[in-house]
Amino acid sequence: MIGRLTGRLDHKGEDHVLLDVNGVGYVVHCSDRTIAALPPVKSPVALWTELLVREDLLQLFGFLTQGEREWHRLLTSVQGIGAKGSLAILGVLGAEGVARAIALGDANAVKAAPGVGPKIALRVVNELRGKAPAMMLKEAGADPLVEVPAPASSGELAPPGQSGAQAEAMSALTNLGYAPVDAARAVAQAADSATDTAGVIRAALKLLAPKE
């Protein structure tokens, strides 16, 4: 398994790059968002990768972060979403946007990706909704397992006024880019209707979502 490549960026295409690693050129397929974020050609580059193996095909897919790669793996586990569909979704929403859309059950955001119809988008949010809070916690540096961790029982005290679930939700939301004061306010309100980590995150995201 090729999990990461570090080398020189030799070429940028519309949906792939060519990475020179010690004289060997690797064609790595990426989302347009990832390609746009890469430095100029001839610059050093490191990409997390996922190798697709079929009888007649070997393809590498590249990602800027491990979190993005993990979302790719989850997205491609949904029936009807192949590697190209996953890259289309990640290209439109980014890893953080995918986490928010799935946690909120926002199929319309997923449907905005080219080639993703309404039925497939709904399937994505329904099948992955329970995994979004855990992924957000993982990216925030919490327990790396896919299951949402329970509040710590090691005897450590949570910040004043916060349960373990609230503290974990705060960590996940600030990792997604929300200002600490906004995240804290949303988590405090969300805690009135939810007590577990996943529930607090979902409720807080609804409160933080832009009002139409």
N, C-alpha and C. Protein backbone atom coordinates (compact mmCIF):
# COMPACT_ATOMS: atom_id res chain seq x y z
N MET A 1 0.84 -1.20 0.00
CA MET A 1 0.00 0.00 0.00
C MET A 1 0.88 1.25 0.00
N ILE A 2 0.58 2.17 -0.90
CA ILE A 2 1.29 3.46 -0.94
C ILE A 2 0.44 4.46 -0.16
N GLY A 3 0.91 4.87 1.01
CA GLY A 3 0.11 5.74 1.87
C GLY A 3 0.48 7.21 1.81
N ARG A 4 1.71 7.50 1.34
CA ARG A 4 2.15 8.89 1.29
C ARG A 4 3.29 9.00 0.29
N LEU A 5 3.30 10.09 -0.47
CA LEU A 5 4.36 10.35 -1.43
C LEU A 5 4.93 11.75 -1.18
N THR A 6 6.24 11.84 -1.21
CA THR A 6 6.92 13.13 -1.08
C THR A 6 7.91 13.26 -2.23
N GLY A 7 7.80 14.34 -2.97
CA GLY A 7 8.68 14.53 -4.11
C GLY A 7 8.52 15.90 -4.73
N ARG A 8 8.82 15.99 -6.02
CA ARG A 8 8.74 17.27 -6.74
C ARG A 8 7.51 17.25 -7.65
N LEU A 9 6.77 18.33 -7.62
CA LEU A 9 5.59 18.47 -8.47
C LEU A 9 6.04 18.81 -9.89
N ASP A 10 5.89 17.87 -10.81
CA ASP A 10 6.35 18.08 -12.18
C ASP A 10 5.27 18.57 -13.13
N HIS A 11 4.00 18.30 -12.79
CA HIS A 11 2.92 18.68 -13.72
C HIS A 11 1.60 18.76 -12.97
N LYS A 12 0.76 19.72 -13.37
CA LYS A 12 -0.60 19.83 -12.87
C LYS A 12 -1.57 19.67 -14.04
N GLY A 13 -2.45 18.68 -13.95
CA GLY A 13 -3.50 18.52 -14.93
C GLY A 13 -4.83 18.98 -14.36
N GLU A 14 -5.92 18.74 -15.10
CA GLU A 14 -7.23 19.15 -14.61
C GLU A 14 -7.69 18.30 -13.43
N ASP A 15 -7.34 17.01 -13.45
CA ASP A 15 -7.79 16.12 -12.39
C ASP A 15 -6.67 15.27 -11.80
N HIS A 16 -5.42 15.61 -12.12
CA HIS A 16 -4.30 14.82 -11.62
C HIS A 16 -3.03 15.66 -11.60
N VAL A 17 -2.05 15.13 -10.89
CA VAL A 17 -0.72 15.75 -10.90
C VAL A 17 0.30 14.65 -11.17
N LEU A 18 1.48 15.06 -11.59
CA LEU A 18 2.60 14.14 -11.76
C LEU A 18 3.65 14.48 -10.72
N LEU A 19 3.94 13.52 -9.86
CA LEU A 19 4.86 13.73 -8.75
C LEU A 19 6.11 12.90 -8.98
N ASP A 20 7.27 13.58 -9.05
CA ASP A 20 8.55 12.90 -9.23
C ASP A 20 9.12 12.54 -7.86
N VAL A 21 9.20 11.23 -7.60
CA VAL A 21 9.74 10.75 -6.34
C VAL A 21 11.02 9.95 -6.64
N ASN A 22 12.16 10.60 -6.43
CA ASN A 22 13.46 9.96 -6.69
C ASN A 22 13.56 9.41 -8.10
N GLY A 23 13.08 10.19 -9.06
CA GLY A 23 13.20 9.80 -10.46
C GLY A 23 12.05 8.98 -11.01
N VAL A 24 11.11 8.59 -10.16
CA VAL A 24 9.94 7.84 -10.60
C VAL A 24 8.74 8.78 -10.60
N GLY A 25 8.05 8.85 -11.74
CA GLY A 25 6.91 9.74 -11.85
C GLY A 25 5.61 9.03 -11.50
N TYR A 26 4.89 9.55 -10.52
CA TYR A 26 3.61 8.99 -10.10
C TYR A 26 2.48 9.90 -10.55
N VAL A 27 1.50 9.33 -11.26
CA VAL A 27 0.29 10.06 -11.60
C VAL A 27 -0.67 9.92 -10.43
N VAL A 28 -1.05 11.05 -9.83
CA VAL A 28 -1.90 11.04 -8.64
C VAL A 28 -3.15 11.86 -8.94
N HIS A 29 -4.31 11.24 -8.86
CA HIS A 29 -5.57 11.92 -9.11
C HIS A 29 -6.00 12.69 -7.86
N CYS A 30 -6.42 13.93 -8.05
CA CYS A 30 -6.78 14.81 -6.93
C CYS A 30 -8.04 15.59 -7.27
N SER A 31 -8.70 16.10 -6.25
CA SER A 31 -9.83 17.00 -6.47
C SER A 31 -9.30 18.34 -6.98
N ASP A 32 -10.15 19.10 -7.64
CA ASP A 32 -9.72 20.40 -8.14
C ASP A 32 -9.34 21.34 -6.99
N ARG A 33 -9.97 21.16 -5.84
CA ARG A 33 -9.63 21.97 -4.66
C ARG A 33 -8.21 21.67 -4.20
N THR A 34 -7.84 20.39 -4.19
CA THR A 34 -6.49 20.00 -3.79
C THR A 34 -5.46 20.53 -4.78
N ILE A 35 -5.74 20.38 -6.07
CA ILE A 35 -4.80 20.84 -7.09
C ILE A 35 -4.59 22.35 -6.98
N ALA A 36 -5.67 23.09 -6.74
CA ALA A 36 -5.56 24.54 -6.62
C ALA A 36 -4.74 24.96 -5.41
N ALA A 37 -4.73 24.11 -4.37
CA ALA A 37 -3.99 24.45 -3.15
C ALA A 37 -2.52 24.08 -3.21
N LEU A 38 -2.11 23.34 -4.24
CA LEU A 38 -0.72 22.92 -4.35
C LEU A 38 0.17 24.07 -4.79
N PRO A 39 1.45 24.03 -4.44
CA PRO A 39 2.38 25.09 -4.85
C PRO A 39 2.68 25.00 -6.34
N PRO A 40 3.45 25.92 -6.88
CA PRO A 40 3.78 25.90 -8.32
C PRO A 40 4.56 24.65 -8.71
N VAL A 41 4.49 24.33 -10.01
CA VAL A 41 5.26 23.22 -10.56
C VAL A 41 6.75 23.41 -10.24
N LYS A 42 7.41 22.28 -9.98
CA LYS A 42 8.83 22.18 -9.58
C LYS A 42 9.04 22.38 -8.09
N SER A 43 7.93 22.60 -7.34
CA SER A 43 8.04 22.75 -5.89
C SER A 43 7.99 21.38 -5.21
N PRO A 44 8.56 21.26 -4.02
CA PRO A 44 8.42 20.02 -3.25
C PRO A 44 6.99 19.87 -2.74
N VAL A 45 6.49 18.65 -2.76
CA VAL A 45 5.10 18.38 -2.38
C VAL A 45 5.02 17.06 -1.64
N ALA A 46 4.13 16.99 -0.67
CA ALA A 46 3.83 15.74 0.01
C ALA A 46 2.32 15.52 -0.04
N LEU A 47 1.89 14.34 -0.43
CA LEU A 47 0.47 14.01 -0.51
C LEU A 47 0.19 12.68 0.20
N TRP A 48 -0.88 12.66 0.99
CA TRP A 48 -1.39 11.40 1.50
C TRP A 48 -2.11 10.71 0.35
N THR A 49 -1.97 9.42 0.23
CA THR A 49 -2.51 8.74 -0.95
C THR A 49 -3.35 7.52 -0.59
N GLU A 50 -4.23 7.18 -1.52
CA GLU A 50 -5.05 5.98 -1.46
C GLU A 50 -4.89 5.26 -2.79
N LEU A 51 -4.57 3.98 -2.75
CA LEU A 51 -4.34 3.19 -3.97
C LEU A 51 -5.58 2.37 -4.28
N LEU A 52 -6.12 2.57 -5.48
CA LEU A 52 -7.25 1.79 -5.97
C LEU A 52 -6.71 0.67 -6.84
N VAL A 53 -7.04 -0.57 -6.47
CA VAL A 53 -6.53 -1.74 -7.19
C VAL A 53 -7.70 -2.51 -7.79
N ARG A 54 -7.66 -2.67 -9.11
CA ARG A 54 -8.62 -3.52 -9.81
C ARG A 54 -7.85 -4.45 -10.74
N GLU A 55 -8.55 -5.39 -11.35
CA GLU A 55 -7.87 -6.36 -12.20
C GLU A 55 -7.10 -5.68 -13.33
N ASP A 56 -7.70 -4.63 -13.90
CA ASP A 56 -7.08 -3.98 -15.05
C ASP A 56 -6.69 -2.54 -14.78
N LEU A 57 -6.58 -2.17 -13.49
CA LEU A 57 -6.35 -0.76 -13.20
C LEU A 57 -5.67 -0.57 -11.85
N LEU A 58 -4.70 0.32 -11.83
CA LEU A 58 -4.08 0.80 -10.60
C LEU A 58 -4.13 2.33 -10.64
N GLN A 59 -4.76 2.95 -9.66
CA GLN A 59 -4.86 4.40 -9.62
C GLN A 59 -4.53 4.92 -8.23
N LEU A 60 -3.78 6.01 -8.20
CA LEU A 60 -3.46 6.68 -6.95
C LEU A 60 -4.30 7.93 -6.82
N PHE A 61 -4.82 8.17 -5.61
CA PHE A 61 -5.58 9.39 -5.33
C PHE A 61 -4.87 10.12 -4.20
N GLY A 62 -4.74 11.44 -4.36
CA GLY A 62 -3.94 12.22 -3.43
C GLY A 62 -4.76 13.22 -2.63
N PHE A 63 -4.29 13.47 -1.39
CA PHE A 63 -5.00 14.35 -0.47
C PHE A 63 -4.00 15.16 0.35
N LEU A 64 -4.38 16.38 0.70
CA LEU A 64 -3.48 17.24 1.46
C LEU A 64 -3.38 16.83 2.92
N THR A 65 -4.45 16.23 3.45
CA THR A 65 -4.46 15.86 4.87
C THR A 65 -4.96 14.43 5.03
N GLN A 66 -4.63 13.84 6.17
CA GLN A 66 -5.14 12.52 6.48
C GLN A 66 -6.65 12.54 6.64
N GLY A 67 -7.18 13.64 7.20
CA GLY A 67 -8.62 13.75 7.37
C GLY A 67 -9.35 13.69 6.05
N GLU A 68 -8.81 14.37 5.05
CA GLU A 68 -9.42 14.36 3.72
C GLU A 68 -9.41 12.93 3.16
N ARG A 69 -8.31 12.23 3.37
CA ARG A 69 -8.22 10.85 2.89
C ARG A 69 -9.24 9.95 3.60
N GLU A 70 -9.42 10.17 4.89
CA GLU A 70 -10.38 9.36 5.63
C GLU A 70 -11.79 9.59 5.14
N TRP A 71 -12.12 10.85 4.82
CA TRP A 71 -13.44 11.13 4.26
C TRP A 71 -13.60 10.48 2.90
N HIS A 72 -12.54 10.46 2.11
CA HIS A 72 -12.59 9.78 0.82
C HIS A 72 -12.93 8.30 1.02
N ARG A 73 -12.29 7.68 1.99
CA ARG A 73 -12.55 6.26 2.25
C ARG A 73 -14.00 6.05 2.68
N LEU A 74 -14.52 6.93 3.52
CA LEU A 74 -15.91 6.80 3.95
C LEU A 74 -16.88 7.05 2.80
N LEU A 75 -16.61 8.07 2.02
CA LEU A 75 -17.51 8.38 0.89
C LEU A 75 -17.57 7.23 -0.11
N THR A 76 -16.43 6.64 -0.40
CA THR A 76 -16.41 5.55 -1.39
C THR A 76 -16.99 4.25 -0.83
N SER A 77 -17.27 4.22 0.48
CA SER A 77 -17.93 3.05 1.04
C SER A 77 -19.43 3.07 0.79
N VAL A 78 -19.94 4.22 0.33
CA VAL A 78 -21.37 4.36 0.04
C VAL A 78 -21.64 3.87 -1.38
N GLN A 79 -22.63 3.00 -1.52
CA GLN A 79 -22.97 2.47 -2.84
C GLN A 79 -23.35 3.60 -3.79
N GLY A 80 -22.75 3.60 -4.95
CA GLY A 80 -23.03 4.64 -5.94
C GLY A 80 -22.01 5.76 -5.95
N ILE A 81 -21.10 5.79 -4.96
CA ILE A 81 -20.04 6.79 -4.91
C ILE A 81 -18.71 6.10 -5.18
N GLY A 82 -18.16 6.35 -6.35
CA GLY A 82 -16.83 5.85 -6.66
C GLY A 82 -15.78 6.88 -6.31
N ALA A 83 -14.55 6.60 -6.70
CA ALA A 83 -13.45 7.52 -6.38
C ALA A 83 -13.68 8.89 -7.01
N LYS A 84 -14.15 8.92 -8.25
CA LYS A 84 -14.38 10.22 -8.90
C LYS A 84 -15.49 10.99 -8.22
N GLY A 85 -16.55 10.30 -7.81
CA GLY A 85 -17.63 10.97 -7.10
C GLY A 85 -17.17 11.53 -5.78
N SER A 86 -16.33 10.77 -5.08
CA SER A 86 -15.79 11.25 -3.81
C SER A 86 -14.95 12.51 -4.03
N LEU A 87 -14.09 12.50 -5.04
CA LEU A 87 -13.26 13.68 -5.30
C LEU A 87 -14.11 14.87 -5.70
N ALA A 88 -15.23 14.62 -6.41
CA ALA A 88 -16.12 15.72 -6.77
C ALA A 88 -16.73 16.36 -5.54
N ILE A 89 -17.17 15.52 -4.58
CA ILE A 89 -17.76 16.03 -3.34
C ILE A 89 -16.72 16.79 -2.52
N LEU A 90 -15.54 16.20 -2.38
CA LEU A 90 -14.47 16.87 -1.63
C LEU A 90 -14.01 18.15 -2.32
N GLY A 91 -14.05 18.14 -3.65
CA GLY A 91 -13.65 19.33 -4.39
C GLY A 91 -14.59 20.50 -4.17
N VAL A 92 -15.87 20.21 -4.02
CA VAL A 92 -16.87 21.27 -3.81
C VAL A 92 -16.91 21.71 -2.35
N LEU A 93 -16.88 20.75 -1.44
CA LEU A 93 -17.11 21.07 -0.03
C LEU A 93 -15.85 21.11 0.83
N GLY A 94 -14.80 20.38 0.43
CA GLY A 94 -13.65 20.23 1.30
C GLY A 94 -13.98 19.28 2.44
N ALA A 95 -12.98 18.81 3.16
CA ALA A 95 -13.22 17.85 4.25
C ALA A 95 -14.11 18.44 5.34
N GLU A 96 -13.87 19.72 5.69
CA GLU A 96 -14.68 20.35 6.74
C GLU A 96 -16.12 20.52 6.30
N GLY A 97 -16.31 20.89 5.03
CA GLY A 97 -17.66 21.06 4.51
C GLY A 97 -18.42 19.75 4.44
N VAL A 98 -17.73 18.68 4.09
CA VAL A 98 -18.35 17.35 4.07
C VAL A 98 -18.79 16.97 5.48
N ALA A 99 -17.93 17.21 6.47
CA ALA A 99 -18.28 16.89 7.86
C ALA A 99 -19.53 17.65 8.29
N ARG A 100 -19.57 18.94 7.98
CA ARG A 100 -20.74 19.75 8.37
C ARG A 100 -22.00 19.26 7.67
N ALA A 101 -21.90 19.04 6.34
CA ALA A 101 -23.08 18.65 5.56
C ALA A 101 -23.64 17.33 6.05
N ILE A 102 -22.78 16.37 6.32
CA ILE A 102 -23.25 15.06 6.74
C ILE A 102 -23.78 15.11 8.16
N ALA A 103 -23.10 15.83 9.06
CA ALA A 103 -23.58 15.94 10.44
C ALA A 103 -24.96 16.60 10.50
N LEU A 104 -25.20 17.55 9.59
CA LEU A 104 -26.48 18.26 9.56
C LEU A 104 -27.52 17.56 8.69
N GLY A 105 -27.11 16.50 7.99
CA GLY A 105 -28.03 15.82 7.08
C GLY A 105 -28.38 16.68 5.88
N ASP A 106 -27.44 17.53 5.45
CA ASP A 106 -27.68 18.47 4.35
C ASP A 106 -27.37 17.82 3.01
N ALA A 107 -28.33 17.09 2.47
CA ALA A 107 -28.13 16.40 1.20
C ALA A 107 -27.97 17.39 0.05
N ASN A 108 -28.57 18.56 0.16
CA ASN A 108 -28.45 19.56 -0.91
C ASN A 108 -27.01 20.01 -1.11
N ALA A 109 -26.26 20.13 0.00
CA ALA A 109 -24.85 20.52 -0.12
C ALA A 109 -24.07 19.43 -0.84
N VAL A 110 -24.33 18.18 -0.54
CA VAL A 110 -23.64 17.06 -1.20
C VAL A 110 -24.05 17.00 -2.67
N LYS A 111 -25.31 17.29 -2.95
CA LYS A 111 -25.83 17.23 -4.32
C LYS A 111 -25.19 18.27 -5.22
N ALA A 112 -24.58 19.30 -4.63
CA ALA A 112 -23.94 20.35 -5.43
C ALA A 112 -22.71 19.84 -6.18
N ALA A 113 -22.19 18.68 -5.80
CA ALA A 113 -21.03 18.12 -6.47
C ALA A 113 -21.42 17.60 -7.84
N PRO A 114 -20.63 17.86 -8.88
CA PRO A 114 -20.95 17.39 -10.24
C PRO A 114 -21.11 15.87 -10.28
N GLY A 115 -22.20 15.43 -10.91
CA GLY A 115 -22.43 14.00 -11.08
C GLY A 115 -23.10 13.30 -9.92
N VAL A 116 -23.40 14.05 -8.85
CA VAL A 116 -24.05 13.46 -7.68
C VAL A 116 -25.52 13.87 -7.67
N GLY A 117 -26.39 12.89 -7.88
CA GLY A 117 -27.82 13.17 -7.92
C GLY A 117 -28.44 13.21 -6.54
N PRO A 118 -29.71 13.59 -6.45
CA PRO A 118 -30.37 13.74 -5.15
C PRO A 118 -30.48 12.43 -4.36
N LYS A 119 -30.72 11.31 -5.03
CA LYS A 119 -30.85 10.03 -4.32
C LYS A 119 -29.51 9.60 -3.73
N ILE A 120 -28.45 9.78 -4.50
CA ILE A 120 -27.12 9.41 -4.01
C ILE A 120 -26.72 10.34 -2.86
N ALA A 121 -27.01 11.63 -3.00
CA ALA A 121 -26.66 12.59 -1.95
C ALA A 121 -27.38 12.24 -0.65
N LEU A 122 -28.65 11.86 -0.76
CA LEU A 122 -29.41 11.48 0.44
C LEU A 122 -28.84 10.21 1.06
N ARG A 123 -28.42 9.28 0.21
CA ARG A 123 -27.82 8.05 0.72
C ARG A 123 -26.52 8.34 1.47
N VAL A 124 -25.74 9.27 0.94
CA VAL A 124 -24.47 9.64 1.58
C VAL A 124 -24.71 10.16 2.99
N VAL A 125 -25.63 11.12 3.14
CA VAL A 125 -25.84 11.71 4.47
C VAL A 125 -26.49 10.71 5.42
N ASN A 126 -27.37 9.85 4.90
CA ASN A 126 -28.04 8.88 5.77
C ASN A 126 -27.07 7.82 6.27
N GLU A 127 -26.19 7.35 5.38
CA GLU A 127 -25.28 6.27 5.76
C GLU A 127 -24.10 6.75 6.60
N LEU A 128 -23.69 7.99 6.40
CA LEU A 128 -22.48 8.47 7.08
C LEU A 128 -22.76 9.43 8.23
N ARG A 129 -24.01 9.77 8.44
CA ARG A 129 -24.34 10.78 9.44
C ARG A 129 -23.82 10.42 10.83
N GLY A 130 -23.91 9.15 11.19
CA GLY A 130 -23.45 8.74 12.50
C GLY A 130 -21.94 8.77 12.66
N LYS A 131 -21.22 8.87 11.55
CA LYS A 131 -19.75 8.86 11.62
C LYS A 131 -19.14 10.26 11.59
N ALA A 132 -19.93 11.25 11.23
CA ALA A 132 -19.40 12.61 11.10
C ALA A 132 -18.85 13.16 12.41
N PRO A 133 -19.56 13.07 13.54
CA PRO A 133 -19.00 13.61 14.79
C PRO A 133 -17.69 12.93 15.17
N ALA A 134 -17.60 11.61 14.96
CA ALA A 134 -16.37 10.91 15.30
C ALA A 134 -15.21 11.37 14.43
N MET A 135 -15.48 11.60 13.15
CA MET A 135 -14.44 12.09 12.26
C MET A 135 -13.98 13.49 12.67
N MET A 136 -14.92 14.33 13.09
CA MET A 136 -14.58 15.67 13.53
C MET A 136 -13.71 15.62 14.78
N LEU A 137 -14.04 14.70 15.70
CA LEU A 137 -13.23 14.55 16.90
C LEU A 137 -11.85 14.02 16.56
N LYS A 138 -11.78 13.09 15.62
CA LYS A 138 -10.50 12.54 15.21
C LYS A 138 -9.60 13.63 14.65
N GLU A 139 -10.17 14.50 13.80
CA GLU A 139 -9.39 15.58 13.21
C GLU A 139 -9.01 16.62 14.26
N ALA A 140 -9.77 16.66 15.36
CA ALA A 140 -9.45 17.60 16.43
C ALA A 140 -8.40 17.04 17.38
N GLY A 141 -7.96 15.79 17.11
CA GLY A 141 -6.93 15.20 17.94
C GLY A 141 -7.46 14.35 19.05
N ALA A 142 -8.74 13.97 18.98
CA ALA A 142 -9.31 13.09 19.99
C ALA A 142 -9.06 11.64 19.61
N ASP A 143 -9.79 10.74 20.25
CA ASP A 143 -9.61 9.32 20.02
C ASP A 143 -9.70 9.02 18.53
N PRO A 144 -8.68 8.34 17.92
CA PRO A 144 -8.67 8.10 16.50
C PRO A 144 -9.61 7.01 16.03
N LEU A 145 -10.27 6.31 16.93
CA LEU A 145 -11.18 5.27 16.50
C LEU A 145 -12.42 5.88 15.88
N VAL A 146 -13.10 5.10 15.06
CA VAL A 146 -14.27 5.61 14.35
C VAL A 146 -15.44 5.81 15.30
N GLU A 147 -15.47 5.11 16.40
CA GLU A 147 -16.57 5.30 17.34
C GLU A 147 -16.38 6.61 18.10
N VAL A 148 -17.50 7.28 18.40
CA VAL A 148 -17.43 8.51 19.19
C VAL A 148 -17.01 8.16 20.61
N PRO A 149 -15.92 8.74 21.13
CA PRO A 149 -15.45 8.38 22.46
C PRO A 149 -16.36 8.89 23.56
N ALA A 150 -16.42 8.14 24.64
CA ALA A 150 -17.19 8.57 25.80
C ALA A 150 -16.38 9.56 26.60
N PRO A 151 -16.99 10.37 27.45
CA PRO A 151 -16.24 11.30 28.28
C PRO A 151 -15.18 10.57 29.09
N ALA A 152 -14.01 11.21 29.26
CA ALA A 152 -12.91 10.56 29.96
C ALA A 152 -13.30 10.24 31.39
N SER A 153 -12.83 9.08 31.86
CA SER A 153 -13.14 8.68 33.23
C SER A 153 -11.87 8.55 34.06
N SER A 154 -10.81 9.24 33.63
CA SER A 154 -9.51 9.11 34.28
C SER A 154 -9.40 9.95 35.54
N GLY A 155 -10.48 10.69 35.84
CA GLY A 155 -10.43 11.53 37.03
C GLY A 155 -10.14 12.98 36.70
N GLU A 156 -9.77 13.25 35.43
CA GLU A 156 -9.49 14.64 35.06
C GLU A 156 -10.79 15.40 34.99
N LEU A 157 -10.76 16.61 35.42
CA LEU A 157 -11.95 17.43 35.42
C LEU A 157 -12.08 18.18 34.12
N ALA A 158 -13.32 18.27 33.60
CA ALA A 158 -13.57 19.08 32.41
C ALA A 158 -13.52 20.54 32.81
N PRO A 159 -13.39 21.46 31.83
CA PRO A 159 -13.42 22.88 32.15
C PRO A 159 -14.68 23.22 32.92
N PRO A 160 -14.63 24.22 33.79
CA PRO A 160 -15.78 24.58 34.60
C PRO A 160 -17.03 24.77 33.75
N GLY A 161 -18.12 24.12 34.16
CA GLY A 161 -19.38 24.28 33.46
C GLY A 161 -19.52 23.42 32.23
N GLN A 162 -18.50 22.61 31.91
CA GLN A 162 -18.57 21.78 30.72
C GLN A 162 -18.48 20.31 31.08
N SER A 163 -19.33 19.51 30.43
CA SER A 163 -19.22 18.07 30.57
C SER A 163 -18.16 17.59 29.59
N GLY A 164 -17.82 16.29 29.66
CA GLY A 164 -16.86 15.74 28.71
C GLY A 164 -17.36 15.88 27.29
N ALA A 165 -18.67 15.64 27.09
CA ALA A 165 -19.25 15.75 25.74
C ALA A 165 -19.14 17.18 25.21
N GLN A 166 -19.40 18.17 26.08
CA GLN A 166 -19.30 19.56 25.65
C GLN A 166 -17.86 19.94 25.29
N ALA A 167 -16.91 19.48 26.09
CA ALA A 167 -15.51 19.78 25.81
C ALA A 167 -15.07 19.17 24.49
N GLU A 168 -15.50 17.93 24.23
CA GLU A 168 -15.14 17.28 22.98
C GLU A 168 -15.79 17.98 21.79
N ALA A 169 -17.05 18.39 21.97
CA ALA A 169 -17.74 19.12 20.90
C ALA A 169 -17.05 20.45 20.61
N MET A 170 -16.63 21.15 21.66
CA MET A 170 -15.90 22.41 21.49
C MET A 170 -14.63 22.19 20.67
N SER A 171 -13.90 21.14 21.00
CA SER A 171 -12.66 20.83 20.29
C SER A 171 -12.94 20.57 18.82
N ALA A 172 -13.98 19.81 18.53
CA ALA A 172 -14.31 19.48 17.14
C ALA A 172 -14.73 20.73 16.37
N LEU A 173 -15.54 21.58 16.97
CA LEU A 173 -16.04 22.77 16.27
C LEU A 173 -14.93 23.79 16.01
N THR A 174 -14.06 23.99 16.98
CA THR A 174 -12.97 24.94 16.76
C THR A 174 -12.00 24.40 15.71
N ASN A 175 -11.85 23.08 15.65
CA ASN A 175 -11.01 22.48 14.62
C ASN A 175 -11.59 22.70 13.23
N LEU A 176 -12.91 22.83 13.15
CA LEU A 176 -13.56 23.11 11.87
C LEU A 176 -13.47 24.58 11.47
N GLY A 177 -12.94 25.40 12.36
CA GLY A 177 -12.73 26.79 12.00
C GLY A 177 -13.67 27.78 12.67
N TYR A 178 -14.57 27.31 13.51
CA TYR A 178 -15.48 28.23 14.19
C TYR A 178 -14.74 28.96 15.31
N ALA A 179 -15.06 30.22 15.49
CA ALA A 179 -14.44 31.00 16.56
C ALA A 179 -14.81 30.39 17.90
N PRO A 180 -13.86 30.34 18.84
CA PRO A 180 -14.13 29.73 20.14
C PRO A 180 -15.36 30.31 20.85
N VAL A 181 -15.55 31.63 20.76
CA VAL A 181 -16.69 32.23 21.44
C VAL A 181 -18.00 31.76 20.81
N ASP A 182 -18.05 31.64 19.47
CA ASP A 182 -19.26 31.18 18.79
C ASP A 182 -19.50 29.70 19.09
N ALA A 183 -18.41 28.92 19.06
CA ALA A 183 -18.54 27.49 19.34
C ALA A 183 -19.03 27.26 20.76
N ALA A 184 -18.48 28.01 21.72
CA ALA A 184 -18.87 27.86 23.11
C ALA A 184 -20.35 28.20 23.32
N ARG A 185 -20.80 29.27 22.66
CA ARG A 185 -22.20 29.67 22.79
C ARG A 185 -23.13 28.60 22.22
N ALA A 186 -22.75 28.06 21.04
CA ALA A 186 -23.59 27.04 20.41
C ALA A 186 -23.60 25.75 21.22
N VAL A 187 -22.44 25.36 21.74
CA VAL A 187 -22.36 24.13 22.55
C VAL A 187 -23.19 24.28 23.82
N ALA A 188 -23.14 25.44 24.44
CA ALA A 188 -23.91 25.66 25.66
C ALA A 188 -25.41 25.53 25.38
N GLN A 189 -25.86 26.08 24.25
CA GLN A 189 -27.28 25.97 23.89
C GLN A 189 -27.64 24.54 23.51
N ALA A 190 -26.71 23.89 22.78
CA ALA A 190 -26.97 22.53 22.32
C ALA A 190 -27.07 21.56 23.49
N ALA A 191 -26.34 21.83 24.56
CA ALA A 191 -26.34 20.93 25.71
C ALA A 191 -27.70 20.87 26.40
N ASP A 192 -28.59 21.82 26.10
CA ASP A 192 -29.93 21.78 26.68
C ASP A 192 -30.78 20.67 26.08
N SER A 193 -30.40 20.24 24.84
CA SER A 193 -31.21 19.23 24.16
C SER A 193 -30.46 17.93 23.90
N ALA A 194 -29.16 17.90 24.20
CA ALA A 194 -28.37 16.68 23.95
C ALA A 194 -27.32 16.54 25.03
N THR A 195 -26.97 15.29 25.33
CA THR A 195 -25.97 15.05 26.36
C THR A 195 -24.76 14.28 25.85
N ASP A 196 -24.93 13.52 24.76
CA ASP A 196 -23.80 12.78 24.22
C ASP A 196 -23.04 13.65 23.23
N THR A 197 -21.80 13.29 22.96
CA THR A 197 -20.94 14.10 22.10
C THR A 197 -21.53 14.30 20.72
N ALA A 198 -21.96 13.21 20.09
CA ALA A 198 -22.51 13.30 18.73
C ALA A 198 -23.72 14.22 18.69
N GLY A 199 -24.61 14.09 19.68
CA GLY A 199 -25.80 14.92 19.71
C GLY A 199 -25.48 16.39 19.92
N VAL A 200 -24.52 16.68 20.79
CA VAL A 200 -24.13 18.08 21.03
C VAL A 200 -23.53 18.69 19.77
N ILE A 201 -22.69 17.94 19.06
CA ILE A 201 -22.08 18.46 17.83
C ILE A 201 -23.15 18.76 16.79
N ARG A 202 -24.07 17.83 16.59
CA ARG A 202 -25.11 18.04 15.58
C ARG A 202 -25.97 19.26 15.92
N ALA A 203 -26.38 19.34 17.17
CA ALA A 203 -27.23 20.46 17.58
C ALA A 203 -26.48 21.79 17.46
N ALA A 204 -25.20 21.80 17.83
CA ALA A 204 -24.40 23.03 17.75
C ALA A 204 -24.21 23.45 16.30
N LEU A 205 -23.98 22.48 15.41
CA LEU A 205 -23.81 22.81 13.99
C LEU A 205 -25.08 23.44 13.42
N LYS A 206 -26.22 22.96 13.85
CA LYS A 206 -27.48 23.55 13.37
C LYS A 206 -27.59 25.00 13.83
N LEU A 207 -27.16 25.27 15.05
CA LEU A 207 -27.20 26.64 15.56
C LEU A 207 -26.21 27.54 14.85
N LEU A 208 -25.08 26.97 14.41
CA LEU A 208 -24.04 27.76 13.76
C LEU A 208 -24.25 27.91 12.26
N ALA A 209 -25.17 27.10 11.71
CA ALA A 209 -25.41 27.16 10.27
C ALA A 209 -25.95 28.53 9.89
N PRO A 210 -25.53 29.08 8.73
CA PRO A 210 -26.01 30.38 8.28
C PRO A 210 -27.53 30.41 8.17
N LYS A 211 -28.14 31.45 8.64
CA LYS A 211 -29.58 31.60 8.57
C LYS A 211 -29.96 32.20 7.22
N GLU A 212 -30.93 31.58 6.55
CA GLU A 212 -31.37 32.08 5.24
C GLU A 212 -32.35 33.21 5.41
